[in-house]
Amino acid sequence: MSSATDSLYATIRRRIMAGHYAPGTQLKEERLAEEMAVSRTPVRAALHRLVGDRMLIAAAHRGVFVAEWTRMDIAEVFELRSLLEPYAAKLAAERATSEQLDGLRRFTDRMEALSRPAFRDNLPEIQAANHGFHSLVIEAAASPRLKGMASNLVDMPMILGSFYFYSDADMQRSIQHHRELIMAIEAKDPTFAQQVMTVHLRVTHEVFMRNRQA
């Protein structure tokens, strides 16, 4: 697969995950090719790959559309995260480097700075910092096999978009969980780190599902 297709695939996938395209939106080759200043061939290949990922749905003679995620899809993603990321946090407490700890602090400090006075003014930047934090915890686990399984879950649309449901109190609690996880990793306490991440993900899931039902 060409580098142009890889780049387009990453860009379009990131947009879908960030909510740039609403569920059901039709993605047209010609428009995307014009917007991104490329031919339609790599766009077509990237869209085909996203159909394979179930990020897009192909409708006969109509084109491709952004997929909608069912309650079962969402529950499964959160359940898988709750199995893998606490284990990543446990390993990170045993293996993280001082540089990785510094990185976790920087991501958390950035989230806190962006959350005041009104976090909704900076949601894309906060989401990026949060994504960086969770990705770095997985990296700090120093397990290529775990990284391969967990990284895709962190990138799922409902994970990246969960902050849209947060209240100010929810946001500040999430940031505090990050600080507690840093404390556990710095203390090299794997049990503490695993517990913090478990609670953190459980709260995220509950906030998401409570608001989705509303």
Protein backbone atom coordinates (compact mmCIF):
# COMPACT_ATOMS: atom_id res chain seq x y z
CA MET A 1 0.00 0.00 0.00
CA SER A 2 1.37 3.44 -0.98
CA SER A 3 2.48 6.07 1.49
CA ALA A 4 -0.16 8.41 0.03
CA THR A 5 -2.88 5.87 0.82
CA ASP A 6 -1.46 5.29 4.31
CA SER A 7 -1.45 9.02 4.98
CA LEU A 8 -4.98 9.50 3.69
CA TYR A 9 -6.20 6.49 5.63
CA ALA A 10 -4.72 7.89 8.86
CA THR A 11 -6.17 11.35 8.26
CA ILE A 12 -9.69 10.18 7.41
CA ARG A 13 -9.72 7.64 10.22
CA ARG A 14 -8.61 10.29 12.71
CA ARG A 15 -11.39 12.59 11.51
CA ILE A 16 -14.00 9.87 11.93
CA MET A 17 -12.73 9.05 15.42
CA ALA A 18 -12.74 12.71 16.44
CA GLY A 19 -16.33 13.17 15.29
CA HIS A 20 -15.42 15.40 12.35
CA TYR A 21 -17.92 13.40 10.27
CA ALA A 22 -21.26 12.60 11.87
CA PRO A 23 -22.58 9.00 11.69
CA GLY A 24 -24.31 8.45 8.39
CA THR A 25 -22.28 11.11 6.56
CA GLN A 26 -21.42 10.14 2.99
CA LEU A 27 -17.72 10.45 2.14
CA LYS A 28 -17.22 11.22 -1.55
CA GLU A 29 -13.99 10.39 -3.34
CA GLU A 30 -14.03 13.47 -5.54
CA ARG A 31 -14.56 15.91 -2.69
CA LEU A 32 -11.89 14.30 -0.50
CA ALA A 33 -9.41 14.19 -3.37
CA GLU A 34 -9.96 17.88 -4.08
CA GLU A 35 -9.72 18.83 -0.41
CA MET A 36 -6.49 16.88 0.13
CA ALA A 37 -4.96 17.75 -3.26
CA VAL A 38 -4.47 14.14 -4.40
CA SER A 39 -5.88 11.90 -7.10
CA ARG A 40 -8.95 9.79 -6.46
CA THR A 41 -6.97 6.51 -6.56
CA PRO A 42 -5.37 6.72 -3.08
CA VAL A 43 -8.62 8.14 -1.68
CA ARG A 44 -10.52 5.14 -3.05
CA ALA A 45 -7.96 2.75 -1.52
CA ALA A 46 -8.11 4.51 1.86
CA LEU A 47 -11.91 4.40 1.92
CA HIS A 48 -11.88 0.71 1.01
CA ARG A 49 -9.53 0.04 3.92
CA LEU A 50 -11.81 1.96 6.29
CA VAL A 51 -14.74 -0.14 5.13
CA GLY A 52 -12.69 -3.17 6.13
CA ASP A 53 -12.14 -1.59 9.56
CA ARG A 54 -15.92 -1.12 9.91
CA MET A 55 -15.39 2.62 10.25
CA LEU A 56 -17.32 3.09 7.00
CA ILE A 57 -20.22 1.21 5.45
CA ALA A 58 -20.40 0.61 1.68
CA ALA A 59 -23.88 0.88 0.19
CA ALA A 60 -24.39 -0.62 -3.27
CA HIS A 61 -24.53 2.07 -5.96
CA ARG A 62 -24.62 4.80 -3.30
CA GLY A 63 -21.07 5.10 -1.98
CA VAL A 64 -19.63 4.89 1.54
CA PHE A 65 -21.03 6.28 4.77
CA VAL A 66 -19.68 6.79 8.29
CA ALA A 67 -20.72 3.83 10.41
CA GLU A 68 -22.86 4.07 13.52
CA TRP A 69 -21.71 2.25 16.64
CA THR A 70 -24.27 0.11 18.47
CA ARG A 71 -24.56 -0.19 22.25
CA MET A 72 -23.00 -3.65 21.97
CA ASP A 73 -20.03 -2.23 20.03
CA ILE A 74 -19.48 0.45 22.65
CA ALA A 75 -19.84 -1.92 25.59
CA GLU A 76 -17.37 -4.33 24.01
CA VAL A 77 -14.75 -1.63 23.47
CA PHE A 78 -15.01 -0.42 27.06
CA GLU A 79 -14.87 -4.00 28.36
CA LEU A 80 -11.74 -4.74 26.35
CA ARG A 81 -10.14 -1.53 27.56
CA SER A 82 -10.95 -2.46 31.15
CA LEU A 83 -9.09 -5.73 30.65
CA LEU A 84 -6.02 -4.41 28.80
CA GLU A 85 -5.27 -0.92 30.08
CA PRO A 86 -5.18 -1.75 33.81
CA TYR A 87 -2.66 -4.45 32.93
CA ALA A 88 -0.70 -1.87 30.94
CA ALA A 89 -0.73 0.41 33.98
CA LYS A 90 0.52 -2.45 36.15
CA LEU A 91 3.43 -3.10 33.78
CA ALA A 92 4.14 0.62 33.49
CA ALA A 93 4.59 0.79 37.27
CA GLU A 94 7.28 -1.85 36.91
CA ARG A 95 8.95 -0.61 33.70
CA ALA A 96 8.33 3.10 33.04
CA THR A 97 11.36 5.31 32.52
CA SER A 98 11.82 8.72 34.13
CA GLU A 99 11.35 10.30 30.69
CA GLN A 100 8.01 8.56 30.28
CA LEU A 101 6.91 9.74 33.73
CA ASP A 102 7.82 13.28 32.72
CA GLY A 103 5.73 12.83 29.57
CA LEU A 104 2.73 11.67 31.59
CA ARG A 105 3.05 14.76 33.77
CA ARG A 106 3.23 17.05 30.74
CA PHE A 107 0.10 15.57 29.19
CA THR A 108 -1.78 15.89 32.48
CA ASP A 109 -0.58 19.45 33.11
CA ARG A 110 -1.71 20.38 29.62
CA MET A 111 -5.15 18.87 30.21
CA GLU A 112 -5.51 20.80 33.44
CA ALA A 113 -4.39 24.09 31.90
CA LEU A 114 -6.81 23.66 29.00
CA SER A 115 -9.69 22.71 31.29
CA ARG A 116 -9.83 26.14 32.94
CA PRO A 117 -11.89 28.23 32.97
CA ALA A 118 -14.09 26.28 30.52
CA PHE A 119 -12.87 22.92 29.22
CA ARG A 120 -15.44 22.83 26.40
CA ASP A 121 -13.58 25.68 24.71
CA ASN A 122 -10.58 23.39 24.21
CA LEU A 123 -12.05 19.91 23.70
CA PRO A 124 -9.94 18.85 20.68
CA GLU A 125 -6.71 19.84 22.45
CA ILE A 126 -7.79 18.13 25.69
CA GLN A 127 -8.70 14.98 23.77
CA ALA A 128 -5.29 15.01 22.09
CA ALA A 129 -3.52 15.33 25.45
CA ASN A 130 -5.65 12.57 26.97
CA HIS A 131 -4.95 10.31 24.01
CA GLY A 132 -1.25 11.02 24.41
CA PHE A 133 -1.42 10.14 28.11
CA HIS A 134 -3.13 6.78 27.60
CA SER A 135 -0.91 5.92 24.65
CA LEU A 136 2.18 6.68 26.73
CA VAL A 137 0.97 4.41 29.55
CA ILE A 138 0.68 1.62 26.98
CA GLU A 139 4.14 2.49 25.63
CA ALA A 140 5.59 2.47 29.15
CA ALA A 141 4.30 -1.07 29.64
CA ALA A 142 7.07 -2.10 27.21
CA SER A 143 5.04 -4.97 25.80
CA PRO A 144 4.78 -4.97 21.99
CA ARG A 145 2.03 -7.58 22.05
CA LEU A 146 -0.05 -5.58 24.52
CA LYS A 147 0.59 -2.38 22.58
CA GLY A 148 -0.68 -4.01 19.40
CA MET A 149 -3.94 -5.00 21.07
CA ALA A 150 -4.59 -1.94 23.24
CA SER A 151 -3.58 0.94 20.97
CA ASN A 152 -6.49 0.47 18.55
CA LEU A 153 -8.95 0.59 21.43
CA VAL A 154 -7.63 3.96 22.60
CA ASP A 155 -8.27 5.27 19.08
CA MET A 156 -11.93 4.24 18.88
CA PRO A 157 -14.46 7.00 18.12
CA MET A 158 -16.40 6.66 21.35
CA ILE A 159 -13.20 6.82 23.40
CA LEU A 160 -11.95 9.99 21.77
CA GLY A 161 -15.39 11.57 21.90
CA SER A 162 -16.29 10.74 25.50
CA PHE A 163 -15.31 14.18 26.84
CA TYR A 164 -18.26 15.73 25.02
CA PHE A 165 -20.46 14.17 27.73
CA TYR A 166 -18.38 15.41 30.67
CA SER A 167 -19.34 18.02 33.22
CA ASP A 168 -16.68 20.25 34.77
CA ALA A 169 -16.60 17.93 37.79
CA ASP A 170 -16.17 14.89 35.54
CA MET A 171 -13.24 16.54 33.79
CA GLN A 172 -11.47 17.49 36.99
CA ARG A 173 -11.99 13.98 38.37
CA SER A 174 -10.46 12.50 35.22
CA ILE A 175 -7.41 14.73 35.59
CA GLN A 176 -7.10 13.72 39.24
CA HIS A 177 -7.17 10.05 38.21
CA HIS A 178 -4.27 10.77 35.87
CA ARG A 179 -2.29 12.33 38.72
CA GLU A 180 -3.02 9.35 40.98
CA LEU A 181 -1.86 7.00 38.25
CA ILE A 182 1.37 8.96 37.87
CA MET A 183 1.83 8.70 41.63
CA ALA A 184 1.34 4.92 41.52
CA ILE A 185 3.75 4.50 38.60
CA GLU A 186 6.36 6.71 40.22
CA ALA A 187 6.02 4.70 43.44
CA LYS A 188 6.51 1.50 41.39
CA ASP A 189 3.31 0.11 42.91
CA PRO A 190 1.73 -2.13 40.23
CA THR A 191 -1.34 -3.01 42.27
CA PHE A 192 -2.14 0.63 42.96
CA ALA A 193 -1.59 1.56 39.29
CA GLN A 194 -3.87 -1.23 38.10
CA GLN A 195 -6.61 -0.20 40.53
CA VAL A 196 -6.46 3.46 39.54
CA MET A 197 -6.74 2.68 35.86
CA THR A 198 -9.64 0.29 36.49
CA VAL A 199 -11.58 2.98 38.36
CA HIS A 200 -10.69 5.62 35.78
CA LEU A 201 -12.06 3.55 32.89
CA ARG A 202 -15.13 2.46 34.83
CA VAL A 203 -16.06 6.07 35.56
CA THR A 204 -15.54 7.02 31.91
CA HIS A 205 -17.83 4.20 30.82
CA GLU A 206 -20.54 5.11 33.31
CA VAL A 207 -20.51 8.81 32.34
CA PHE A 208 -20.64 7.90 28.67
CA MET A 209 -23.51 5.43 28.96
CA ARG A 210 -25.51 7.62 31.36
CA ASN A 211 -25.46 10.48 28.90
CA ARG A 212 -26.01 8.29 25.88
CA GLN A 213 -29.24 7.07 27.41
CA ALA A 214 -30.36 10.62 28.16
